[in-house]
């Protein structure tokens, strides 16, 4: 399943596993993957993904607190067995790979994972990552976040072709902050090619 994942996507998997272990959860679910996306952005993953999440009010700390809220905190039971993906987590990985194939991308990038995660959170109130998003940023317009990620994917994630979002669609403060952050990241990456 992970054969087509980029190094950054593997960092998301590792980070999702790490937060699940840290919180003593017996599975890796969509909420852990959301945390992995926010963490991987800092550790050599997609800087733009991380900027989108932070601008949307979904910082690494806020996501961790949201996971603790929906799961009842950190569990005290120490797990000795290997942690497996929940059915929702496994489905999310499969959908991310399918999204990359649908877009004719040769590899599955963190942007594909984030796109599928936000799309599914927007579709279903039962998805655990969606519950975290609604807990942490209840006023977040997921359609605008999807639009930003979709534009990023259409532009192949390259800094020189990164999205020029229309400010007219930014009707609320969170979306406007997201637009500004993405533009700042675009300028930063243009002037610092090694940061990609």
C-alpha atoms as a PDB file:
ATOM      1  CA  UNK A   1       0.000   0.000   0.000  1.00  0.00           C
ATOM      2  CA  UNK A   2       2.826   2.448   0.795  1.00  0.00           C
ATOM      3  CA  UNK A   3       4.928   1.698  -2.288  1.00  0.00           C
ATOM      4  CA  UNK A   4       3.897   4.906  -4.046  1.00  0.00           C
ATOM      5  CA  UNK A   5       4.318   7.115  -0.959  1.00  0.00           C
ATOM      6  CA  UNK A   6       6.931   9.870  -1.073  1.00  0.00           C
ATOM      7  CA  UNK A   7       9.424  10.330   1.758  1.00  0.00           C
ATOM      8  CA  UNK A   8       7.166  13.060   3.155  1.00  0.00           C
ATOM      9  CA  UNK A   9       4.141  10.724   3.051  1.00  0.00           C
ATOM     10  CA  UNK A  10       6.123   8.085   4.935  1.00  0.00           C
ATOM     11  CA  UNK A  11       6.910  10.793   7.523  1.00  0.00           C
ATOM     12  CA  UNK A  12       3.138  11.290   7.927  1.00  0.00           C
ATOM     13  CA  UNK A  13       2.697   7.543   8.558  1.00  0.00           C
ATOM     14  CA  UNK A  14       5.544   7.507  11.092  1.00  0.00           C
ATOM     15  CA  UNK A  15       4.224  10.598  12.863  1.00  0.00           C
ATOM     16  CA  UNK A  16       0.678   9.181  12.999  1.00  0.00           C
ATOM     17  CA  UNK A  17       2.042   5.981  14.527  1.00  0.00           C
ATOM     18  CA  UNK A  18       4.128   7.978  17.035  1.00  0.00           C
ATOM     19  CA  UNK A  19       1.173  10.014  18.351  1.00  0.00           C
ATOM     20  CA  UNK A  20      -0.959   6.869  18.655  1.00  0.00           C
ATOM     21  CA  UNK A  21       1.810   5.202  20.691  1.00  0.00           C
ATOM     22  CA  UNK A  22       2.398   8.353  22.757  1.00  0.00           C
ATOM     23  CA  UNK A  23      -1.301   8.565  23.655  1.00  0.00           C
ATOM     24  CA  UNK A  24      -1.485   4.777  24.269  1.00  0.00           C
ATOM     25  CA  UNK A  25      -4.222   4.299  21.693  1.00  0.00           C
ATOM     26  CA  UNK A  26      -4.486   0.774  20.365  1.00  0.00           C
ATOM     27  CA  UNK A  27      -4.908   1.826  16.743  1.00  0.00           C
ATOM     28  CA  UNK A  28      -3.883   4.441  14.186  1.00  0.00           C
ATOM     29  CA  UNK A  29      -6.999   6.287  13.084  1.00  0.00           C
ATOM     30  CA  UNK A  30      -7.813   9.243  10.878  1.00  0.00           C
ATOM     31  CA  UNK A  31      -7.327  11.591  13.840  1.00  0.00           C
ATOM     32  CA  UNK A  32      -3.751  10.353  14.237  1.00  0.00           C
ATOM     33  CA  UNK A  33      -3.177  10.805  10.497  1.00  0.00           C
ATOM     34  CA  UNK A  34      -4.383  14.415  10.776  1.00  0.00           C
ATOM     35  CA  UNK A  35      -1.840  14.936  13.563  1.00  0.00           C
ATOM     36  CA  UNK A  36       0.787  13.235  11.401  1.00  0.00           C
ATOM     37  CA  UNK A  37       0.107  15.722   8.608  1.00  0.00           C
ATOM     38  CA  UNK A  38       0.647  18.644  10.973  1.00  0.00           C
ATOM     39  CA  UNK A  39       3.827  17.101  12.387  1.00  0.00           C
ATOM     40  CA  UNK A  40       5.333  15.986   9.086  1.00  0.00           C
ATOM     41  CA  UNK A  41       5.127  19.546   7.773  1.00  0.00           C
ATOM     42  CA  UNK A  42       7.655  20.595  10.370  1.00  0.00           C
ATOM     43  CA  UNK A  43       9.924  17.581   9.999  1.00  0.00           C
ATOM     44  CA  UNK A  44      10.794  17.830   6.335  1.00  0.00           C
ATOM     45  CA  UNK A  45       7.321  17.077   5.020  1.00  0.00           C
ATOM     46  CA  UNK A  46       5.046  19.427   3.171  1.00  0.00           C
ATOM     47  CA  UNK A  47       5.633  22.931   4.496  1.00  0.00           C
ATOM     48  CA  UNK A  48       2.606  24.180   2.589  1.00  0.00           C
ATOM     49  CA  UNK A  49       0.339  21.486   4.101  1.00  0.00           C
ATOM     50  CA  UNK A  50       1.470  22.539   7.554  1.00  0.00           C
ATOM     51  CA  UNK A  51       0.840  26.202   6.708  1.00  0.00           C
ATOM     52  CA  UNK A  52      -2.674  25.370   5.509  1.00  0.00           C
ATOM     53  CA  UNK A  53      -3.444  23.474   8.708  1.00  0.00           C
ATOM     54  CA  UNK A  54      -2.061  26.179  11.009  1.00  0.00           C
ATOM     55  CA  UNK A  55      -3.846  28.955   9.100  1.00  0.00           C
ATOM     56  CA  UNK A  56      -7.045  26.966   9.476  1.00  0.00           C
ATOM     57  CA  UNK A  57      -6.624  26.847  13.247  1.00  0.00           C
ATOM     58  CA  UNK A  58      -5.367  23.255  13.188  1.00  0.00           C
ATOM     59  CA  UNK A  59      -1.935  23.483  14.782  1.00  0.00           C
ATOM     60  CA  UNK A  60      -0.104  20.390  15.989  1.00  0.00           C
ATOM     61  CA  UNK A  61      -0.949  21.187  19.622  1.00  0.00           C
ATOM     62  CA  UNK A  62      -4.608  21.956  18.883  1.00  0.00           C
ATOM     63  CA  UNK A  63      -4.986  18.688  16.961  1.00  0.00           C
ATOM     64  CA  UNK A  64      -3.394  16.722  19.825  1.00  0.00           C
ATOM     65  CA  UNK A  65      -5.792  18.370  22.294  1.00  0.00           C
ATOM     66  CA  UNK A  66      -8.699  17.560  19.954  1.00  0.00           C
ATOM     67  CA  UNK A  67      -7.634  13.903  19.797  1.00  0.00           C
ATOM     68  CA  UNK A  68      -7.515  13.792  23.602  1.00  0.00           C
ATOM     69  CA  UNK A  69     -11.001  15.347  23.747  1.00  0.00           C
ATOM     70  CA  UNK A  70     -12.695  12.893  21.379  1.00  0.00           C
ATOM     71  CA  UNK A  71     -10.837   9.842  22.733  1.00  0.00           C
ATOM     72  CA  UNK A  72     -11.113  10.657  26.423  1.00  0.00           C
ATOM     73  CA  UNK A  73      -7.483  11.689  26.909  1.00  0.00           C
ATOM     74  CA  UNK A  74      -4.291   9.677  27.027  1.00  0.00           C
ATOM     75  CA  UNK A  75      -4.948   6.054  27.936  1.00  0.00           C
ATOM     76  CA  UNK A  76      -2.953   4.602  30.807  1.00  0.00           C
ATOM     77  CA  UNK A  77      -2.843   1.082  29.421  1.00  0.00           C
ATOM     78  CA  UNK A  78       0.496   0.206  27.871  1.00  0.00           C
ATOM     79  CA  UNK A  79       0.100  -1.681  24.608  1.00  0.00           C
ATOM     80  CA  UNK A  80       2.602  -4.426  23.912  1.00  0.00           C
ATOM     81  CA  UNK A  81       1.210  -5.553  20.583  1.00  0.00           C
ATOM     82  CA  UNK A  82       1.891  -3.876  17.291  1.00  0.00           C
ATOM     83  CA  UNK A  83      -0.472  -0.983  16.576  1.00  0.00           C
ATOM     84  CA  UNK A  84      -2.574  -1.497  13.451  1.00  0.00           C
ATOM     85  CA  UNK A  85      -4.562   0.955  11.370  1.00  0.00           C
ATOM     86  CA  UNK A  86      -8.232   1.339  12.184  1.00  0.00           C
ATOM     87  CA  UNK A  87     -10.629   0.500   9.326  1.00  0.00           C
ATOM     88  CA  UNK A  88     -11.051   4.253   8.749  1.00  0.00           C
ATOM     89  CA  UNK A  89      -7.276   4.801   8.752  1.00  0.00           C
ATOM     90  CA  UNK A  90      -6.706   1.954   6.274  1.00  0.00           C
ATOM     91  CA  UNK A  91      -9.478   3.256   4.023  1.00  0.00           C
ATOM     92  CA  UNK A  92      -7.956   6.755   4.127  1.00  0.00           C
ATOM     93  CA  UNK A  93      -4.562   5.468   2.925  1.00  0.00           C
ATOM     94  CA  UNK A  94      -6.248   3.520   0.110  1.00  0.00           C
ATOM     95  CA  UNK A  95      -8.270   6.579  -0.895  1.00  0.00           C
ATOM     96  CA  UNK A  96      -5.131   8.768  -0.922  1.00  0.00           C
ATOM     97  CA  UNK A  97      -3.388   6.326  -3.265  1.00  0.00           C
ATOM     98  CA  UNK A  98      -6.523   6.232  -5.460  1.00  0.00           C
ATOM     99  CA  UNK A  99      -6.618  10.053  -5.492  1.00  0.00           C
ATOM    100  CA  UNK A 100      -3.005  10.183  -6.694  1.00  0.00           C
ATOM    101  CA  UNK A 101      -3.812   7.653  -9.433  1.00  0.00           C
ATOM    102  CA  UNK A 102      -6.941   9.600 -10.419  1.00  0.00           C
ATOM    103  CA  UNK A 103      -4.831  12.732 -10.797  1.00  0.00           C
ATOM    104  CA  UNK A 104      -2.201  10.750 -12.745  1.00  0.00           C
ATOM    105  CA  UNK A 105       0.463  11.555 -10.177  1.00  0.00           C
ATOM    106  CA  UNK A 106       3.278   8.992 -10.027  1.00  0.00           C
ATOM    107  CA  UNK A 107       3.497   9.142  -6.233  1.00  0.00           C
ATOM    108  CA  UNK A 108       1.241   9.748  -3.258  1.00  0.00           C
ATOM    109  CA  UNK A 109       2.158  13.024  -1.568  1.00  0.00           C
ATOM    110  CA  UNK A 110       0.944  14.437   1.771  1.00  0.00           C
ATOM    111  CA  UNK A 111      -1.319  16.759  -0.226  1.00  0.00           C
ATOM    112  CA  UNK A 112      -3.258  13.710  -1.510  1.00  0.00           C
ATOM    113  CA  UNK A 113      -3.642  12.430   2.051  1.00  0.00           C
ATOM    114  CA  UNK A 114      -4.789  15.827   3.342  1.00  0.00           C
ATOM    115  CA  UNK A 115      -7.197  16.291   0.428  1.00  0.00           C
ATOM    116  CA  UNK A 116      -8.897  12.936   1.039  1.00  0.00           C
ATOM    117  CA  UNK A 117      -8.952  13.456   4.808  1.00  0.00           C
ATOM    118  CA  UNK A 118     -10.621  16.893   4.544  1.00  0.00           C
ATOM    119  CA  UNK A 119     -12.996  15.705   1.803  1.00  0.00           C
ATOM    120  CA  UNK A 120     -14.160  12.786   3.931  1.00  0.00           C
ATOM    121  CA  UNK A 121     -14.415  14.979   7.046  1.00  0.00           C
ATOM    122  CA  UNK A 122     -16.657  17.290   5.045  1.00  0.00           C
ATOM    123  CA  UNK A 123     -18.835  14.360   3.887  1.00  0.00           C
ATOM    124  CA  UNK A 124     -19.274  12.504   7.171  1.00  0.00           C
ATOM    125  CA  UNK A 125     -19.707  13.623  10.753  1.00  0.00           C
ATOM    126  CA  UNK A 126     -18.637  10.146  11.914  1.00  0.00           C
ATOM    127  CA  UNK A 127     -15.036  10.354  10.714  1.00  0.00           C
ATOM    128  CA  UNK A 128     -12.785  10.795  13.753  1.00  0.00           C
ATOM    129  CA  UNK A 129     -10.483  13.361  12.109  1.00  0.00           C
ATOM    130  CA  UNK A 130     -13.611  15.326  11.198  1.00  0.00           C
ATOM    131  CA  UNK A 131     -14.636  15.286  14.857  1.00  0.00           C
ATOM    132  CA  UNK A 132     -11.216  16.667  15.795  1.00  0.00           C
ATOM    133  CA  UNK A 133     -11.510  19.401  13.149  1.00  0.00           C
ATOM    134  CA  UNK A 134     -15.010  20.362  14.328  1.00  0.00           C
ATOM    135  CA  UNK A 135     -13.819  20.378  17.958  1.00  0.00           C
ATOM    136  CA  UNK A 136     -10.706  22.479  17.323  1.00  0.00           C
ATOM    137  CA  UNK A 137     -11.984  24.803  14.569  1.00  0.00           C
ATOM    138  CA  UNK A 138     -15.802  24.686  14.591  1.00  0.00           C
ATOM    139  CA  UNK A 139     -16.166  27.619  12.174  1.00  0.00           C
ATOM    140  CA  UNK A 140     -13.714  26.301   9.599  1.00  0.00           C
ATOM    141  CA  UNK A 141     -15.106  26.190   6.062  1.00  0.00           C
ATOM    142  CA  UNK A 142     -13.889  22.799   4.825  1.00  0.00           C
ATOM    143  CA  UNK A 143     -14.929  23.555   1.239  1.00  0.00           C
ATOM    144  CA  UNK A 144     -12.475  26.465   1.133  1.00  0.00           C
ATOM    145  CA  UNK A 145      -9.723  24.279   2.593  1.00  0.00           C
ATOM    146  CA  UNK A 146     -10.498  21.629  -0.058  1.00  0.00           C
ATOM    147  CA  UNK A 147     -10.307  24.296  -2.770  1.00  0.00           C
ATOM    148  CA  UNK A 148      -6.864  25.390  -1.550  1.00  0.00           C
ATOM    149  CA  UNK A 149      -5.563  21.795  -1.427  1.00  0.00           C
ATOM    150  CA  UNK A 150      -7.082  21.024  -4.827  1.00  0.00           C
ATOM    151  CA  UNK A 151      -5.354  24.067  -6.321  1.00  0.00           C
ATOM    152  CA  UNK A 152      -2.092  22.933  -4.749  1.00  0.00           C
ATOM    153  CA  UNK A 153      -2.490  19.460  -6.273  1.00  0.00           C
ATOM    154  CA  UNK A 154      -3.403  20.892  -9.673  1.00  0.00           C
ATOM    155  CA  UNK A 155      -0.198  22.918  -9.537  1.00  0.00           C
ATOM    156  CA  UNK A 156       1.801  19.797  -8.645  1.00  0.00           C
ATOM    157  CA  UNK A 157       2.842  21.292  -5.301  1.00  0.00           C
ATOM    158  CA  UNK A 158       5.710  23.200  -6.882  1.00  0.00           C
ATOM    159  CA  UNK A 159       6.496  26.551  -5.294  1.00  0.00           C
ATOM    160  CA  UNK A 160       6.879  28.355  -8.604  1.00  0.00           C
ATOM    161  CA  UNK A 161       3.356  27.313  -9.608  1.00  0.00           C
ATOM    162  CA  UNK A 162       1.667  27.378  -6.212  1.00  0.00           C
ATOM    163  CA  UNK A 163      -1.887  28.611  -6.024  1.00  0.00           C
ATOM    164  CA  UNK A 164      -2.991  32.165  -6.448  1.00  0.00           C
ATOM    165  CA  UNK A 165      -6.196  31.995  -4.436  1.00  0.00           C
ATOM    166  CA  UNK A 166      -8.826  34.616  -5.168  1.00  0.00           C
ATOM    167  CA  UNK A 167      -9.376  36.715  -2.040  1.00  0.00           C
ATOM    168  CA  UNK A 168     -13.040  37.098  -3.031  1.00  0.00           C
ATOM    169  CA  UNK A 169     -13.731  33.532  -1.841  1.00  0.00           C
ATOM    170  CA  UNK A 170     -12.234  34.334   1.558  1.00  0.00           C
ATOM    171  CA  UNK A 171     -15.482  35.344   3.274  1.00  0.00           C
ATOM    172  CA  UNK A 172     -14.428  34.543   6.802  1.00  0.00           C
ATOM    173  CA  UNK A 173     -11.311  35.257   8.835  1.00  0.00           C
ATOM    174  CA  UNK A 174      -9.998  31.682   8.783  1.00  0.00           C
ATOM    175  CA  UNK A 175     -10.152  31.479   5.005  1.00  0.00           C
ATOM    176  CA  UNK A 176      -8.506  34.887   4.646  1.00  0.00           C
ATOM    177  CA  UNK A 177      -5.700  33.794   6.990  1.00  0.00           C
ATOM    178  CA  UNK A 178      -5.324  30.604   4.941  1.00  0.00           C
ATOM    179  CA  UNK A 179      -5.018  32.629   1.717  1.00  0.00           C
ATOM    180  CA  UNK A 180      -2.418  34.943   3.263  1.00  0.00           C
ATOM    181  CA  UNK A 181      -0.406  32.065   4.723  1.00  0.00           C
ATOM    182  CA  UNK A 182      -0.339  30.136   1.452  1.00  0.00           C
ATOM    183  CA  UNK A 183       0.804  33.258  -0.407  1.00  0.00           C
ATOM    184  CA  UNK A 184       3.538  33.888   2.172  1.00  0.00           C
ATOM    185  CA  UNK A 185       4.658  30.260   1.882  1.00  0.00           C
ATOM    186  CA  UNK A 186       4.690  30.614  -1.898  1.00  0.00           C
ATOM    187  CA  UNK A 187       6.994  33.655  -1.639  1.00  0.00           C
ATOM    188  CA  UNK A 188       9.187  31.965   0.962  1.00  0.00           C
ATOM    189  CA  UNK A 189       9.609  28.836  -1.151  1.00  0.00           C
ATOM    190  CA  UNK A 190      10.345  30.884  -4.268  1.00  0.00           C
ATOM    191  CA  UNK A 191      13.229  32.606  -2.490  1.00  0.00           C
ATOM    192  CA  UNK A 192      14.405  29.541  -0.553  1.00  0.00           C
ATOM    193  CA  UNK A 193      14.375  26.584  -2.955  1.00  0.00           C
ATOM    194  CA  UNK A 194      16.168  24.355  -0.431  1.00  0.00           C
ATOM    195  CA  UNK A 195      13.174  24.626   1.912  1.00  0.00           C
ATOM    196  CA  UNK A 196      11.122  22.420  -0.447  1.00  0.00           C
END
